[in-house]
C-alpha atoms as a PDB file:
ATOM      1  CA  MET A   1      64.799  68.613  12.642  1.00  0.00           C
ATOM      2  CA  ARG A   2      67.567  70.880  13.821  1.00  0.00           C
ATOM      3  CA  ILE A   3      66.670  72.206  17.129  1.00  0.00           C
ATOM      4  CA  VAL A   4      68.327  74.983  19.309  1.00  0.00           C
ATOM      5  CA  PHE A   5      67.335  74.508  22.922  1.00  0.00           C
ATOM      6  CA  ALA A   6      67.066  77.358  25.498  1.00  0.00           C
ATOM      7  CA  GLY A   7      66.576  76.707  29.203  1.00  0.00           C
ATOM      8  CA  THR A   8      68.284  76.920  32.522  1.00  0.00           C
ATOM      9  CA  PRO A   9      66.771  75.109  35.611  1.00  0.00           C
ATOM     10  CA  GLU A  10      66.060  71.579  36.352  1.00  0.00           C
ATOM     11  CA  PHE A  11      62.522  71.953  34.776  1.00  0.00           C
ATOM     12  CA  ALA A  12      64.137  72.735  31.504  1.00  0.00           C
ATOM     13  CA  ALA A  13      66.744  69.985  31.877  1.00  0.00           C
ATOM     14  CA  GLU A  14      63.862  67.504  31.776  1.00  0.00           C
ATOM     15  CA  HIS A  15      62.603  68.844  28.459  1.00  0.00           C
ATOM     16  CA  LEU A  16      66.170  68.795  27.008  1.00  0.00           C
ATOM     17  CA  LYS A  17      66.492  65.010  28.045  1.00  0.00           C
ATOM     18  CA  ALA A  18      63.162  64.286  25.955  1.00  0.00           C
ATOM     19  CA  LEU A  19      64.655  66.091  22.894  1.00  0.00           C
ATOM     20  CA  LEU A  20      68.037  64.256  23.169  1.00  0.00           C
ATOM     21  CA  ALA A  21      66.041  61.027  23.060  1.00  0.00           C
ATOM     22  CA  SER A  22      63.928  61.960  20.148  1.00  0.00           C
ATOM     23  CA  GLU A  23      64.663  61.680  16.513  1.00  0.00           C
ATOM     24  CA  HIS A  24      65.624  65.290  16.242  1.00  0.00           C
ATOM     25  CA  GLU A  25      69.118  66.922  16.488  1.00  0.00           C
ATOM     26  CA  VAL A  26      69.849  69.367  19.243  1.00  0.00           C
ATOM     27  CA  VAL A  27      72.564  71.361  17.639  1.00  0.00           C
ATOM     28  CA  ALA A  28      73.175  73.769  20.455  1.00  0.00           C
ATOM     29  CA  VAL A  29      71.926  74.766  23.938  1.00  0.00           C
ATOM     30  CA  TYR A  30      71.596  78.149  25.242  1.00  0.00           C
ATOM     31  CA  THR A  31      71.504  78.741  28.978  1.00  0.00           C
ATOM     32  CA  GLN A  32      72.044  81.697  31.642  1.00  0.00           C
ATOM     33  CA  PRO A  33      75.674  82.459  32.567  1.00  0.00           C
ATOM     34  CA  ASP A  34      76.974  80.418  35.421  1.00  0.00           C
ATOM     35  CA  ARG A  35      75.843  81.893  38.800  1.00  0.00           C
ATOM     36  CA  PRO A  36      77.389  81.890  42.390  1.00  0.00           C
ATOM     37  CA  ALA A  37      75.999  78.970  44.354  1.00  0.00           C
ATOM     38  CA  GLY A  38      76.392  77.299  47.728  1.00  0.00           C
ATOM     39  CA  ARG A  39      78.274  78.585  50.820  1.00  0.00           C
ATOM     40  CA  GLY A  40      81.373  79.125  48.825  1.00  0.00           C
ATOM     41  CA  GLN A  41      79.564  81.182  46.164  1.00  0.00           C
ATOM     42  CA  LYS A  42      81.521  79.401  43.436  1.00  0.00           C
ATOM     43  CA  LEU A  43      80.345  79.691  39.926  1.00  0.00           C
ATOM     44  CA  ALA A  44      78.042  76.800  39.236  1.00  0.00           C
ATOM     45  CA  PRO A  45      76.672  75.805  35.791  1.00  0.00           C
ATOM     46  CA  SER A  46      72.983  75.365  35.247  1.00  0.00           C
ATOM     47  CA  PRO A  47      71.311  72.026  35.071  1.00  0.00           C
ATOM     48  CA  VAL A  48      70.905  72.430  31.405  1.00  0.00           C
ATOM     49  CA  LYS A  49      74.524  73.348  30.799  1.00  0.00           C
ATOM     50  CA  GLN A  50      75.522  70.250  32.929  1.00  0.00           C
ATOM     51  CA  LEU A  51      73.433  67.964  30.740  1.00  0.00           C
ATOM     52  CA  ALA A  52      74.538  69.486  27.418  1.00  0.00           C
ATOM     53  CA  ALA A  53      78.173  69.039  28.362  1.00  0.00           C
ATOM     54  CA  GLU A  54      77.380  65.343  29.152  1.00  0.00           C
ATOM     55  CA  HIS A  55      76.204  64.847  25.689  1.00  0.00           C
ATOM     56  CA  GLY A  56      78.817  67.058  23.952  1.00  0.00           C
ATOM     57  CA  ILE A  57      76.544  69.680  22.742  1.00  0.00           C
ATOM     58  CA  ALA A  58      77.853  73.285  22.137  1.00  0.00           C
ATOM     59  CA  VAL A  59      76.716  75.627  24.933  1.00  0.00           C
ATOM     60  CA  TYR A  60      76.207  79.404  24.483  1.00  0.00           C
ATOM     61  CA  GLN A  61      75.710  81.645  27.511  1.00  0.00           C
ATOM     62  CA  PRO A  62      75.258  85.270  26.296  1.00  0.00           C
ATOM     63  CA  ALA A  63      74.119  87.749  28.875  1.00  0.00           C
ATOM     64  CA  SER A  64      71.735  88.983  26.314  1.00  0.00           C
ATOM     65  CA  LEU A  65      70.189  88.103  22.945  1.00  0.00           C
ATOM     66  CA  LYS A  66      69.886  91.765  21.894  1.00  0.00           C
ATOM     67  CA  PRO A  67      73.279  92.471  20.429  1.00  0.00           C
ATOM     68  CA  ALA A  68      73.786  91.690  16.707  1.00  0.00           C
ATOM     69  CA  GLU A  69      76.633  89.386  17.306  1.00  0.00           C
ATOM     70  CA  ALA A  70      74.555  87.213  19.580  1.00  0.00           C
ATOM     71  CA  GLN A  71      71.810  87.031  16.978  1.00  0.00           C
ATOM     72  CA  GLU A  72      74.353  86.347  14.185  1.00  0.00           C
ATOM     73  CA  ALA A  73      75.753  83.314  16.091  1.00  0.00           C
ATOM     74  CA  LEU A  74      72.234  81.940  16.520  1.00  0.00           C
ATOM     75  CA  ALA A  75      71.369  82.409  12.913  1.00  0.00           C
ATOM     76  CA  ALA A  76      74.825  80.680  11.852  1.00  0.00           C
ATOM     77  CA  LEU A  77      73.408  77.389  13.558  1.00  0.00           C
ATOM     78  CA  ALA A  78      70.610  77.384  10.937  1.00  0.00           C
ATOM     79  CA  PRO A  79      67.928  76.117  13.357  1.00  0.00           C
ATOM     80  CA  ASP A  80      64.586  74.754  11.978  1.00  0.00           C
ATOM     81  CA  LEU A  81      63.038  75.441  15.572  1.00  0.00           C
ATOM     82  CA  MET A  82      64.052  76.824  18.820  1.00  0.00           C
ATOM     83  CA  VAL A  83      62.585  75.290  21.960  1.00  0.00           C
ATOM     84  CA  VAL A  84      62.454  77.521  24.975  1.00  0.00           C
ATOM     85  CA  VAL A  85      61.805  76.309  28.599  1.00  0.00           C
ATOM     86  CA  ALA A  86      62.453  78.656  31.557  1.00  0.00           C
ATOM     87  CA  TYR A  87      65.354  80.295  29.999  1.00  0.00           C
ATOM     88  CA  GLY A  88      65.197  83.549  31.905  1.00  0.00           C
ATOM     89  CA  LEU A  89      66.219  85.934  29.037  1.00  0.00           C
ATOM     90  CA  ILE A  90      63.971  88.006  26.679  1.00  0.00           C
ATOM     91  CA  LEU A  91      63.935  86.827  23.071  1.00  0.00           C
ATOM     92  CA  PRO A  92      63.768  89.912  20.728  1.00  0.00           C
ATOM     93  CA  GLN A  93      61.564  89.600  17.691  1.00  0.00           C
ATOM     94  CA  ALA A  94      64.702  89.295  15.623  1.00  0.00           C
ATOM     95  CA  VAL A  95      65.590  86.164  17.389  1.00  0.00           C
ATOM     96  CA  LEU A  96      62.093  84.676  17.252  1.00  0.00           C
ATOM     97  CA  ASP A  97      62.285  85.206  13.544  1.00  0.00           C
ATOM     98  CA  ILE A  98      65.637  83.319  13.117  1.00  0.00           C
ATOM     99  CA  PRO A  99      64.341  79.588  13.175  1.00  0.00           C
ATOM    100  CA  ARG A 100      62.559  78.289  10.088  1.00  0.00           C
ATOM    101  CA  LEU A 101      59.671  77.371  12.044  1.00  0.00           C
ATOM    102  CA  GLY A 102      60.017  79.865  14.887  1.00  0.00           C
ATOM    103  CA  CYS A 103      60.183  79.393  18.701  1.00  0.00           C
ATOM    104  CA  ILE A 104      57.911  77.407  21.117  1.00  0.00           C
ATOM    105  CA  ASN A 105      57.863  77.518  24.648  1.00  0.00           C
ATOM    106  CA  SER A 106      56.887  74.943  27.380  1.00  0.00           C
ATOM    107  CA  HIS A 107      55.113  77.014  30.187  1.00  0.00           C
ATOM    108  CA  ALA A 108      53.940  75.442  33.574  1.00  0.00           C
ATOM    109  CA  SER A 109      50.581  76.836  33.469  1.00  0.00           C
ATOM    110  CA  LEU A 110      47.262  76.365  31.830  1.00  0.00           C
ATOM    111  CA  LEU A 111      47.628  79.677  29.829  1.00  0.00           C
ATOM    112  CA  PRO A 112      46.433  82.295  29.864  1.00  0.00           C
ATOM    113  CA  ARG A 113      45.804  81.711  33.693  1.00  0.00           C
ATOM    114  CA  TRP A 114      49.285  82.389  34.914  1.00  0.00           C
ATOM    115  CA  ARG A 115      51.931  84.264  32.813  1.00  0.00           C
ATOM    116  CA  GLY A 116      55.259  85.115  34.297  1.00  0.00           C
ATOM    117  CA  ALA A 117      57.960  83.727  36.419  1.00  0.00           C
ATOM    118  CA  ALA A 118      56.298  81.539  39.103  1.00  0.00           C
ATOM    119  CA  PRO A 119      53.134  79.973  37.606  1.00  0.00           C
ATOM    120  CA  ILE A 120      53.484  76.824  39.558  1.00  0.00           C
ATOM    121  CA  GLN A 121      53.622  78.269  43.103  1.00  0.00           C
ATOM    122  CA  ARG A 122      51.015  80.875  42.310  1.00  0.00           C
ATOM    123  CA  ALA A 123      48.492  78.191  41.180  1.00  0.00           C
ATOM    124  CA  VAL A 124      48.974  76.435  44.592  1.00  0.00           C
ATOM    125  CA  GLU A 125      48.802  79.789  46.526  1.00  0.00           C
ATOM    126  CA  ALA A 126      45.678  80.769  44.747  1.00  0.00           C
ATOM    127  CA  GLY A 127      43.764  77.505  45.442  1.00  0.00           C
ATOM    128  CA  ASP A 128      43.557  76.597  41.667  1.00  0.00           C
ATOM    129  CA  ALA A 129      41.809  73.261  41.197  1.00  0.00           C
ATOM    130  CA  GLU A 130      44.145  72.326  38.267  1.00  0.00           C
ATOM    131  CA  SER A 131      47.405  73.148  36.629  1.00  0.00           C
ATOM    132  CA  GLY A 132      49.306  71.800  33.635  1.00  0.00           C
ATOM    133  CA  VAL A 133      51.730  72.754  30.992  1.00  0.00           C
ATOM    134  CA  THR A 134      50.966  74.809  27.773  1.00  0.00           C
ATOM    135  CA  VAL A 135      53.148  74.589  24.726  1.00  0.00           C
ATOM    136  CA  MET A 136      52.856  77.718  22.698  1.00  0.00           C
ATOM    137  CA  ARG A 137      54.343  79.655  19.783  1.00  0.00           C
ATOM    138  CA  MET A 138      56.450  82.366  21.085  1.00  0.00           C
ATOM    139  CA  GLU A 139      55.726  86.201  20.446  1.00  0.00           C
ATOM    140  CA  ALA A 140      57.540  89.336  21.684  1.00  0.00           C
ATOM    141  CA  GLY A 141      54.897  89.516  24.449  1.00  0.00           C
ATOM    142  CA  LEU A 142      55.386  87.750  27.968  1.00  0.00           C
ATOM    143  CA  ASP A 143      53.817  84.238  27.471  1.00  0.00           C
ATOM    144  CA  THR A 144      51.238  85.737  25.056  1.00  0.00           C
ATOM    145  CA  GLY A 145      51.575  83.393  22.068  1.00  0.00           C
ATOM    146  CA  PRO A 146      49.127  81.073  20.408  1.00  0.00           C
ATOM    147  CA  MET A 147      48.646  77.817  22.333  1.00  0.00           C
ATOM    148  CA  LEU A 148      49.570  74.800  20.331  1.00  0.00           C
ATOM    149  CA  LEU A 149      48.896  72.017  23.019  1.00  0.00           C
ATOM    150  CA  LYS A 150      47.839  71.622  26.738  1.00  0.00           C
ATOM    151  CA  VAL A 151      48.234  68.831  29.235  1.00  0.00           C
ATOM    152  CA  THR A 152      46.441  69.074  32.600  1.00  0.00           C
ATOM    153  CA  THR A 153      46.524  67.796  36.178  1.00  0.00           C
ATOM    154  CA  ALA A 154      44.554  68.291  39.259  1.00  0.00           C
ATOM    155  CA  ILE A 155      46.166  70.229  42.123  1.00  0.00           C
ATOM    156  CA  GLU A 156      45.642  67.789  45.117  1.00  0.00           C
ATOM    157  CA  ALA A 157      45.084  68.924  48.730  1.00  0.00           C
ATOM    158  CA  GLY A 158      48.699  67.981  49.795  1.00  0.00           C
ATOM    159  CA  ASP A 159      50.481  69.426  46.792  1.00  0.00           C
ATOM    160  CA  THR A 160      53.443  71.838  47.298  1.00  0.00           C
ATOM    161  CA  GLY A 161      55.304  74.040  45.059  1.00  0.00           C
ATOM    162  CA  GLY A 162      57.799  71.311  44.767  1.00  0.00           C
ATOM    163  CA  SER A 163      55.531  68.328  44.156  1.00  0.00           C
ATOM    164  CA  LEU A 164      53.488  70.159  41.436  1.00  0.00           C
ATOM    165  CA  HIS A 165      56.841  71.313  39.849  1.00  0.00           C
ATOM    166  CA  ASP A 166      58.072  67.703  39.712  1.00  0.00           C
ATOM    167  CA  ARG A 167      54.959  66.381  38.153  1.00  0.00           C
ATOM    168  CA  LEU A 168      54.738  69.097  35.448  1.00  0.00           C
ATOM    169  CA  ALA A 169      58.418  68.453  34.750  1.00  0.00           C
ATOM    170  CA  GLN A 170      57.478  65.013  33.687  1.00  0.00           C
ATOM    171  CA  MET A 171      54.327  66.086  31.753  1.00  0.00           C
ATOM    172  CA  GLY A 172      55.839  68.783  29.813  1.00  0.00           C
ATOM    173  CA  PRO A 173      58.694  67.048  27.771  1.00  0.00           C
ATOM    174  CA  PRO A 174      56.337  64.635  25.890  1.00  0.00           C
ATOM    175  CA  ALA A 175      54.029  67.325  25.195  1.00  0.00           C
ATOM    176  CA  VAL A 176      56.904  69.304  23.557  1.00  0.00           C
ATOM    177  CA  VAL A 177      57.866  66.292  21.545  1.00  0.00           C
ATOM    178  CA  GLU A 178      54.054  65.934  20.374  1.00  0.00           C
ATOM    179  CA  ALA A 179      53.890  69.536  19.276  1.00  0.00           C
ATOM    180  CA  ILE A 180      57.010  69.461  17.430  1.00  0.00           C
ATOM    181  CA  ALA A 181      55.720  66.378  15.412  1.00  0.00           C
ATOM    182  CA  GLY A 182      52.544  68.501  14.759  1.00  0.00           C
ATOM    183  CA  LEU A 183      54.385  71.464  13.685  1.00  0.00           C
ATOM    184  CA  ALA A 184      56.453  69.409  11.412  1.00  0.00           C
ATOM    185  CA  ALA A 185      53.240  67.828  10.002  1.00  0.00           C
ATOM    186  CA  GLY A 186      51.579  71.356   9.640  1.00  0.00           C
ATOM    187  CA  THR A 187      48.581  70.070  11.796  1.00  0.00           C
ATOM    188  CA  LEU A 188      49.100  72.532  14.619  1.00  0.00           C
ATOM    189  CA  ALA A 189      47.858  76.137  14.122  1.00  0.00           C
ATOM    190  CA  GLY A 190      47.432  77.306  17.591  1.00  0.00           C
ATOM    191  CA  ASP A 191      44.645  78.979  19.652  1.00  0.00           C
ATOM    192  CA  VAL A 192      44.768  82.595  20.449  1.00  0.00           C
ATOM    193  CA  GLN A 193      44.882  83.376  24.139  1.00  0.00           C
ATOM    194  CA  ASN A 194      42.105  85.440  25.945  1.00  0.00           C
ATOM    195  CA  ASP A 195      44.310  88.144  27.450  1.00  0.00           C
ATOM    196  CA  ALA A 196      41.225  89.211  29.745  1.00  0.00           C
ATOM    197  CA  LEU A 197      41.764  85.869  31.497  1.00  0.00           C
ATOM    198  CA  ALA A 198      45.516  86.410  32.163  1.00  0.00           C
ATOM    199  CA  THR A 199      47.090  86.925  35.723  1.00  0.00           C
ATOM    200  CA  TYR A 200      50.662  87.783  36.279  1.00  0.00           C
ATOM    201  CA  ALA A 201      52.676  85.192  38.357  1.00  0.00           C
ATOM    202  CA  HIS A 202      55.111  87.381  40.316  1.00  0.00           C
ATOM    203  CA  LYS A 203      58.781  85.976  40.841  1.00  0.00           C
ATOM    204  CA  LEU A 204      59.142  84.588  44.202  1.00  0.00           C
ATOM    205  CA  ASN A 205      61.009  86.347  47.053  1.00  0.00           C
ATOM    206  CA  LYS A 206      61.907  85.606  50.677  1.00  0.00           C
ATOM    207  CA  ASP A 207      60.074  88.684  52.059  1.00  0.00           C
ATOM    208  CA  GLU A 208      56.612  87.241  50.969  1.00  0.00           C
ATOM    209  CA  ALA A 209      57.321  84.025  52.936  1.00  0.00           C
ATOM    210  CA  ARG A 210      56.726  85.749  56.157  1.00  0.00           C
ATOM    211  CA  LEU A 211      53.444  84.379  57.791  1.00  0.00           C
ATOM    212  CA  ASP A 212      50.944  87.048  58.571  1.00  0.00           C
ATOM    213  CA  TRP A 213      48.948  85.527  61.295  1.00  0.00           C
ATOM    214  CA  ALA A 214      46.206  88.188  60.792  1.00  0.00           C
ATOM    215  CA  ARG A 215      45.325  86.360  57.518  1.00  0.00           C
ATOM    216  CA  PRO A 216      42.768  83.593  57.411  1.00  0.00           C
ATOM    217  CA  ALA A 217      44.123  80.046  58.114  1.00  0.00           C
ATOM    218  CA  HIS A 218      43.009  78.557  54.814  1.00  0.00           C
ATOM    219  CA  GLU A 219      45.274  81.172  52.801  1.00  0.00           C
ATOM    220  CA  LEU A 220      48.261  80.611  55.066  1.00  0.00           C
ATOM    221  CA  GLU A 221      47.980  76.851  54.597  1.00  0.00           C
ATOM    222  CA  ARG A 222      48.088  77.261  50.893  1.00  0.00           C
ATOM    223  CA  GLN A 223      50.942  79.685  51.319  1.00  0.00           C
ATOM    224  CA  VAL A 224      53.040  77.182  53.194  1.00  0.00           C
ATOM    225  CA  ARG A 225      52.453  74.551  50.511  1.00  0.00           C
ATOM    226  CA  ALA A 226      53.202  76.936  47.670  1.00  0.00           C
ATOM    227  CA  LEU A 227      56.461  78.232  48.974  1.00  0.00           C
ATOM    228  CA  PHE A 228      57.889  74.786  49.791  1.00  0.00           C
ATOM    229  CA  PRO A 229      60.817  73.973  49.114  1.00  0.00           C
ATOM    230  CA  TRP A 230      61.744  77.663  48.411  1.00  0.00           C
ATOM    231  CA  PRO A 231      61.657  80.079  49.842  1.00  0.00           C
ATOM    232  CA  VAL A 232      59.930  78.210  52.885  1.00  0.00           C
ATOM    233  CA  CYS A 233      57.586  80.215  54.975  1.00  0.00           C
ATOM    234  CA  HIS A 234      58.716  81.512  58.357  1.00  0.00           C
ATOM    235  CA  SER A 235      57.777  83.490  61.424  1.00  0.00           C
ATOM    236  CA  THR A 236      59.364  84.023  64.877  1.00  0.00           C
ATOM    237  CA  LEU A 237      59.092  82.152  68.269  1.00  0.00           C
ATOM    238  CA  ASN A 238      60.356  83.907  71.297  1.00  0.00           C
ATOM    239  CA  GLY A 239      62.258  86.384  69.008  1.00  0.00           C
ATOM    240  CA  GLU A 240      64.034  83.506  67.127  1.00  0.00           C
ATOM    241  CA  PRO A 241      63.503  82.662  63.323  1.00  0.00           C
ATOM    242  CA  LEU A 242      61.152  79.679  62.972  1.00  0.00           C
ATOM    243  CA  LYS A 243      60.658  78.028  59.496  1.00  0.00           C
ATOM    244  CA  VAL A 244      57.351  76.413  58.804  1.00  0.00           C
ATOM    245  CA  LEU A 245      57.852  73.594  56.445  1.00  0.00           C
ATOM    246  CA  ALA A 246      54.328  71.907  56.406  1.00  0.00           C
ATOM    247  CA  ALA A 247      50.850  72.733  58.032  1.00  0.00           C
ATOM    248  CA  THR A 248      47.284  71.789  57.929  1.00  0.00           C
ATOM    249  CA  LEU A 249      44.083  73.606  58.977  1.00  0.00           C
ATOM    250  CA  GLY A 250      43.540  73.366  62.706  1.00  0.00           C
ATOM    251  CA  GLU A 251      40.641  74.116  65.079  1.00  0.00           C
ATOM    252  CA  GLY A 252      40.101  77.106  67.414  1.00  0.00           C
ATOM    253  CA  SER A 253      40.226  80.766  67.412  1.00  0.00           C
ATOM    254  CA  GLY A 254      42.183  83.534  69.345  1.00  0.00           C
ATOM    255  CA  THR A 255      44.454  86.369  69.002  1.00  0.00           C
ATOM    256  CA  PRO A 256      46.463  85.952  65.660  1.00  0.00           C
ATOM    257  CA  GLY A 257      49.738  84.207  66.325  1.00  0.00           C
ATOM    258  CA  GLN A 258      48.761  82.770  69.729  1.00  0.00           C
ATOM    259  CA  VAL A 259      49.429  79.198  70.484  1.00  0.00           C
ATOM    260  CA  LEU A 260      46.152  77.355  71.192  1.00  0.00           C
ATOM    261  CA  ALA A 261      47.432  74.026  71.617  1.00  0.00           C
ATOM    262  CA  ALA A 262      50.527  71.711  71.306  1.00  0.00           C
ATOM    263  CA  SER A 263      50.562  67.997  70.856  1.00  0.00           C
ATOM    264  CA  LYS A 264      52.415  65.287  68.975  1.00  0.00           C
ATOM    265  CA  GLN A 265      49.828  65.919  66.106  1.00  0.00           C
ATOM    266  CA  GLY A 266      51.037  69.741  65.663  1.00  0.00           C
ATOM    267  CA  LEU A 267      51.289  73.310  67.013  1.00  0.00           C
ATOM    268  CA  THR A 268      48.016  75.021  66.568  1.00  0.00           C
ATOM    269  CA  VAL A 269      48.266  78.744  66.126  1.00  0.00           C
ATOM    270  CA  ALA A 270      45.368  81.190  65.906  1.00  0.00           C
ATOM    271  CA  CYS A 271      44.964  83.063  62.666  1.00  0.00           C
ATOM    272  CA  GLY A 272      42.874  86.015  61.656  1.00  0.00           C
ATOM    273  CA  GLU A 273      40.243  83.563  60.780  1.00  0.00           C
ATOM    274  CA  GLY A 274      40.498  80.036  62.007  1.00  0.00           C
ATOM    275  CA  ALA A 275      43.619  78.352  62.998  1.00  0.00           C
ATOM    276  CA  LEU A 276      46.701  76.584  61.546  1.00  0.00           C
ATOM    277  CA  SER A 277      48.351  73.385  62.749  1.00  0.00           C
ATOM    278  CA  LEU A 278      52.079  73.516  62.127  1.00  0.00           C
ATOM    279  CA  THR A 279      53.418  69.939  61.473  1.00  0.00           C
ATOM    280  CA  ARG A 280      56.993  70.308  60.527  1.00  0.00           C
ATOM    281  CA  LEU A 281      59.306  73.046  61.649  1.00  0.00           C
ATOM    282  CA  GLN A 282      62.885  74.070  61.752  1.00  0.00           C
ATOM    283  CA  LEU A 283      64.554  76.034  64.569  1.00  0.00           C
ATOM    284  CA  PRO A 284      67.682  78.149  64.071  1.00  0.00           C
ATOM    285  CA  GLY A 285      70.792  75.794  63.802  1.00  0.00           C
ATOM    286  CA  GLY A 286      68.685  72.764  63.547  1.00  0.00           C
ATOM    287  CA  LYS A 287      67.419  70.460  60.943  1.00  0.00           C
ATOM    288  CA  PRO A 288      63.742  70.119  59.872  1.00  0.00           C
ATOM    289  CA  LEU A 289      61.702  67.938  62.223  1.00  0.00           C
ATOM    290  CA  ALA A 290      58.160  66.784  62.578  1.00  0.00           C
ATOM    291  CA  PHE A 291      56.536  68.739  65.402  1.00  0.00           C
ATOM    292  CA  SER A 292      56.113  65.530  67.260  1.00  0.00           C
ATOM    293  CA  ASP A 293      59.901  65.256  67.699  1.00  0.00           C
ATOM    294  CA  LEU A 294      60.076  69.047  68.781  1.00  0.00           C
ATOM    295  CA  PHE A 295      57.216  68.489  71.156  1.00  0.00           C
ATOM    296  CA  ASN A 296      58.956  65.696  72.973  1.00  0.00           C
ATOM    297  CA  SER A 297      62.335  67.650  73.569  1.00  0.00           C
ATOM    298  CA  ARG A 298      61.270  71.238  73.651  1.00  0.00           C
ATOM    299  CA  ARG A 299      57.683  71.430  74.711  1.00  0.00           C
ATOM    300  CA  GLU A 300      58.276  74.402  77.102  1.00  0.00           C
ATOM    301  CA  GLN A 301      59.131  76.687  74.136  1.00  0.00           C
ATOM    302  CA  PHE A 302      55.664  75.909  72.576  1.00  0.00           C
ATOM    303  CA  ALA A 303      53.589  76.594  75.751  1.00  0.00           C
ATOM    304  CA  VAL A 304      49.951  77.548  75.318  1.00  0.00           C
ATOM    305  CA  GLY A 305      49.520  81.451  75.139  1.00  0.00           C
ATOM    306  CA  THR A 306      53.013  82.018  73.434  1.00  0.00           C
ATOM    307  CA  VAL A 307      52.534  84.467  70.560  1.00  0.00           C
ATOM    308  CA  LEU A 308      54.449  83.677  67.281  1.00  0.00           C
ATOM    309  CA  GLY A 309      55.455  86.523  64.821  1.00  0.00           C
ATOM    310  CA  GLN A 310      56.489  88.978  67.650  1.00  0.00           C
END
């Protein structure tokens, strides 16, 4: 089958690897335009573009697929199918109609549970018991198309946004290859989504990573896990920024943000309900450290009664 692949981040690159290893022919790759990255803010290719270049595959990077010339370029590739994974651009109906078998998408959620940009992190943050990947036939709506195939995984107590991402990045690619086989054989029709069960997974931003100590501890514990490794939860300590990379539920109560206890096991901070034990932190100009290491060298900074977030 002649496949055009559209995707941008590492999650998408894992899917492209599986297609390159399959019996199908990837005739072209679409990915987002190069973006500034790193301290020098130099233009950097996406993981998908890098992989395509390694395999000598033509790469297209239009800023939009709405112009007629962009659509004509896609049609000239004569694709049987377009596989879309975390591409980042809207596909107009005219584009969805170009491939002979249409367009399919690998989405990191058990649809219709989480539609939108950040389904992995939102599932962890909400305390969902499970997540997964849904391969669906694409429509003009946002993640609204018929579901062709699902694979599921439990969300474990210690899962972060990063660990769940990595697991789903391994589960999604074989599911897509299986779905393509089903489409080729005509055995996959697709189940219509129940829109009433859908929730929008808003894009992540740094502002939401600030810890509000007035919230219950169990919500903050999930927030810390969901937003690691990006954008990373944060607060302040003695007026200085403090990154919170890992935390568990603690014991005790007090004024929200107040340090209740400090030991090699963690820094226990009172919340609006319950307490949170901070186990891995990063101070300004420092590297991420287990709290046991910080406690040995800087215990005076974490004295009982100190209030975080002021």
